[in-house]
């Protein structure tokens, strides 16, 4: 059976390159916020990807005093998880030649905001729970083991999922200017 995977076709040269030159496999993703509308503490915008500079308006969740009229950082975290999982799922399915007929990925994050508002110092600041709901439809001809392998491989390969699952140290560098 011939493998007509566009993903394999696109990834194989990259895999060969990264085997020969591991340094080439290191990439940096980026989001940038430059102080716009600094007199409005409830709204800003973030530019995603330094090449494309796609600008997204950002709001603050009503649970901490915002209007929740635009996506907030928690929404973006969920979006990053859902979109990474979905694209990993699609690419792996393509490589394995598993046609996906329908898919739905829902990422949720739950937080007790008393910690961030300093209402209760015993409550940790941060999301206490995240969930990923995955629903896919494949043809009856796909064995259960292959569909399960697809989900397991996606969990293993999804960068955002693995980052959240393991946690990643954050190096903070600060420059303060006084005028």
Protein backbone atom coordinates (compact mmCIF):
# COMPACT_ATOMS: atom_id res chain seq x y z
CA UNK A 1 0.00 0.00 0.00
CA UNK A 2 1.43 3.36 -1.06
CA UNK A 3 1.54 6.02 1.65
CA UNK A 4 0.10 9.24 0.19
CA UNK A 5 0.80 11.31 3.27
CA UNK A 6 1.50 14.97 2.62
CA UNK A 7 2.72 15.20 6.20
CA UNK A 8 5.27 12.42 5.68
CA UNK A 9 6.35 14.09 2.44
CA UNK A 10 6.85 17.43 4.22
CA UNK A 11 8.30 16.07 7.46
CA UNK A 12 10.75 13.44 6.19
CA UNK A 13 13.30 15.96 4.83
CA UNK A 14 13.05 17.87 8.12
CA UNK A 15 13.53 14.68 10.15
CA UNK A 16 16.60 13.85 8.07
CA UNK A 17 17.98 17.37 8.60
CA UNK A 18 17.36 17.24 12.37
CA UNK A 19 19.06 13.84 12.60
CA UNK A 20 22.14 15.25 10.86
CA UNK A 21 22.03 18.65 12.56
CA UNK A 22 20.16 18.66 15.91
CA UNK A 23 20.74 22.42 16.32
CA UNK A 24 18.49 23.03 13.30
CA UNK A 25 15.57 21.51 15.24
CA UNK A 26 15.51 24.36 17.77
CA UNK A 27 12.81 26.94 17.04
CA UNK A 28 11.48 29.90 19.00
CA UNK A 29 7.84 30.90 18.97
CA UNK A 30 6.92 34.36 20.13
CA UNK A 31 4.14 36.67 21.22
CA UNK A 32 4.70 40.39 21.73
CA UNK A 33 2.70 43.02 23.58
CA UNK A 34 3.83 46.60 23.17
CA UNK A 35 2.21 49.12 25.45
CA UNK A 36 -0.81 50.47 23.61
CA UNK A 37 -3.69 52.19 25.37
CA UNK A 38 -1.83 52.06 28.69
CA UNK A 39 -4.58 54.15 30.28
CA UNK A 40 -6.99 51.21 29.79
CA UNK A 41 -6.04 48.41 32.22
CA UNK A 42 -8.76 46.09 30.87
CA UNK A 43 -7.68 45.87 27.22
CA UNK A 44 -4.54 45.30 25.21
CA UNK A 45 -3.51 43.38 22.13
CA UNK A 46 -0.93 40.71 21.49
CA UNK A 47 0.97 40.19 18.26
CA UNK A 48 1.54 36.53 17.62
CA UNK A 49 4.45 35.26 15.54
CA UNK A 50 7.19 37.78 14.79
CA UNK A 51 7.00 37.02 11.05
CA UNK A 52 3.24 37.37 10.62
CA UNK A 53 2.51 39.74 13.51
CA UNK A 54 -1.12 38.63 13.75
CA UNK A 55 -2.71 41.06 16.23
CA UNK A 56 -5.34 39.79 18.68
CA UNK A 57 -7.31 42.04 21.04
CA UNK A 58 -7.12 40.87 24.65
CA UNK A 59 -9.51 41.58 27.51
CA UNK A 60 -9.69 40.69 31.17
CA UNK A 61 -12.01 38.05 32.61
CA UNK A 62 -15.03 39.34 34.51
CA UNK A 63 -14.05 37.14 37.48
CA UNK A 64 -11.14 39.52 38.19
CA UNK A 65 -12.87 42.78 37.27
CA UNK A 66 -12.76 42.85 33.49
CA UNK A 67 -15.54 42.96 30.93
CA UNK A 68 -14.58 39.65 29.26
CA UNK A 69 -15.41 41.33 25.97
CA UNK A 70 -12.35 39.87 24.24
CA UNK A 71 -10.43 36.64 24.76
CA UNK A 72 -8.33 36.68 27.90
CA UNK A 73 -5.04 34.96 28.65
CA UNK A 74 -6.80 31.83 29.98
CA UNK A 75 -8.80 31.63 26.75
CA UNK A 76 -5.55 31.88 24.78
CA UNK A 77 -3.96 29.13 26.89
CA UNK A 78 -6.95 26.88 26.14
CA UNK A 79 -6.80 27.88 22.47
CA UNK A 80 -3.10 27.02 22.34
CA UNK A 81 -3.75 23.59 23.86
CA UNK A 82 -6.76 22.81 21.64
CA UNK A 83 -5.12 24.04 18.45
CA UNK A 84 -1.84 22.20 19.11
CA UNK A 85 -3.68 18.97 19.90
CA UNK A 86 -5.90 19.31 16.83
CA UNK A 87 -3.05 19.95 14.42
CA UNK A 88 -0.93 17.15 15.92
CA UNK A 89 -3.93 14.81 15.63
CA UNK A 90 -4.49 15.72 11.97
CA UNK A 91 -0.83 15.37 11.03
CA UNK A 92 -0.41 12.01 12.76
CA UNK A 93 -3.67 10.74 11.26
CA UNK A 94 -2.38 11.77 7.83
CA UNK A 95 0.93 9.96 8.38
CA UNK A 96 -0.88 6.83 9.61
CA UNK A 97 -3.39 7.07 6.74
CA UNK A 98 -6.34 7.24 9.17
CA UNK A 99 -9.06 9.39 7.61
CA UNK A 100 -10.75 11.54 10.24
CA UNK A 101 -14.35 12.20 9.26
CA UNK A 102 -15.15 14.54 12.13
CA UNK A 103 -13.30 15.96 15.13
CA UNK A 104 -13.98 18.15 18.12
CA UNK A 105 -11.35 19.26 20.62
CA UNK A 106 -12.37 21.24 23.71
CA UNK A 107 -9.75 22.54 26.14
CA UNK A 108 -10.85 23.95 29.48
CA UNK A 109 -8.94 25.48 32.37
CA UNK A 110 -10.33 25.96 35.88
CA UNK A 111 -9.00 28.49 38.35
CA UNK A 112 -10.00 29.73 41.79
CA UNK A 113 -9.37 33.47 41.35
CA UNK A 114 -9.20 34.16 45.09
CA UNK A 115 -5.45 33.51 44.84
CA UNK A 116 -4.74 36.10 42.17
CA UNK A 117 -7.00 38.66 43.87
CA UNK A 118 -5.23 37.97 47.19
CA UNK A 119 -8.56 37.22 48.87
CA UNK A 120 -7.12 34.01 50.29
CA UNK A 121 -3.35 33.52 50.31
CA UNK A 122 -3.82 29.75 50.76
CA UNK A 123 -5.32 29.49 47.26
CA UNK A 124 -2.56 29.03 44.68
CA UNK A 125 -2.31 31.49 41.81
CA UNK A 126 -2.71 29.54 38.60
CA UNK A 127 -5.05 27.11 36.95
CA UNK A 128 -5.78 24.24 39.29
CA UNK A 129 -7.17 21.95 36.60
CA UNK A 130 -7.13 21.67 32.84
CA UNK A 131 -9.14 19.23 30.75
CA UNK A 132 -9.03 18.12 27.16
CA UNK A 133 -12.13 16.58 25.58
CA UNK A 134 -11.43 14.77 22.32
CA UNK A 135 -14.12 13.43 20.03
CA UNK A 136 -13.21 11.95 16.67
CA UNK A 137 -15.10 9.98 14.06
CA UNK A 138 -13.21 7.54 11.86
CA UNK A 139 -14.36 4.97 9.36
CA UNK A 140 -15.51 1.56 10.64
CA UNK A 141 -12.59 -0.01 8.79
CA UNK A 142 -10.11 1.65 11.19
CA UNK A 143 -9.27 -0.84 13.97
CA UNK A 144 -9.85 0.33 17.56
CA UNK A 145 -6.17 -0.18 18.27
CA UNK A 146 -5.21 2.24 15.47
CA UNK A 147 -7.64 4.91 16.70
CA UNK A 148 -6.27 4.52 20.24
CA UNK A 149 -2.71 4.64 18.88
CA UNK A 150 -3.62 7.88 17.11
CA UNK A 151 -4.75 9.52 20.37
CA UNK A 152 -1.72 8.23 22.31
CA UNK A 153 0.67 9.43 19.61
CA UNK A 154 -1.04 12.82 19.62
CA UNK A 155 -0.68 13.13 23.39
CA UNK A 156 3.00 12.20 23.03
CA UNK A 157 3.63 14.64 20.14
CA UNK A 158 1.56 17.69 21.15
CA UNK A 159 4.10 20.29 22.31
CA UNK A 160 1.65 22.46 24.26
CA UNK A 161 0.05 19.44 25.96
CA UNK A 162 3.44 18.10 27.02
CA UNK A 163 4.62 21.56 28.18
CA UNK A 164 1.58 22.04 30.40
CA UNK A 165 1.71 18.45 31.65
CA UNK A 166 5.38 18.67 32.70
CA UNK A 167 5.65 22.36 33.45
CA UNK A 168 8.49 24.44 32.05
CA UNK A 169 10.72 26.88 33.93
CA UNK A 170 10.33 30.49 32.82
CA UNK A 171 13.41 32.71 32.69
CA UNK A 172 12.28 36.26 33.51
CA UNK A 173 14.53 39.16 32.51
CA UNK A 174 13.45 42.65 33.46
CA UNK A 175 14.62 46.11 32.44
CA UNK A 176 13.13 49.12 34.22
CA UNK A 177 13.64 52.62 32.83
CA UNK A 178 13.09 55.73 34.93
CA UNK A 179 12.35 59.12 33.39
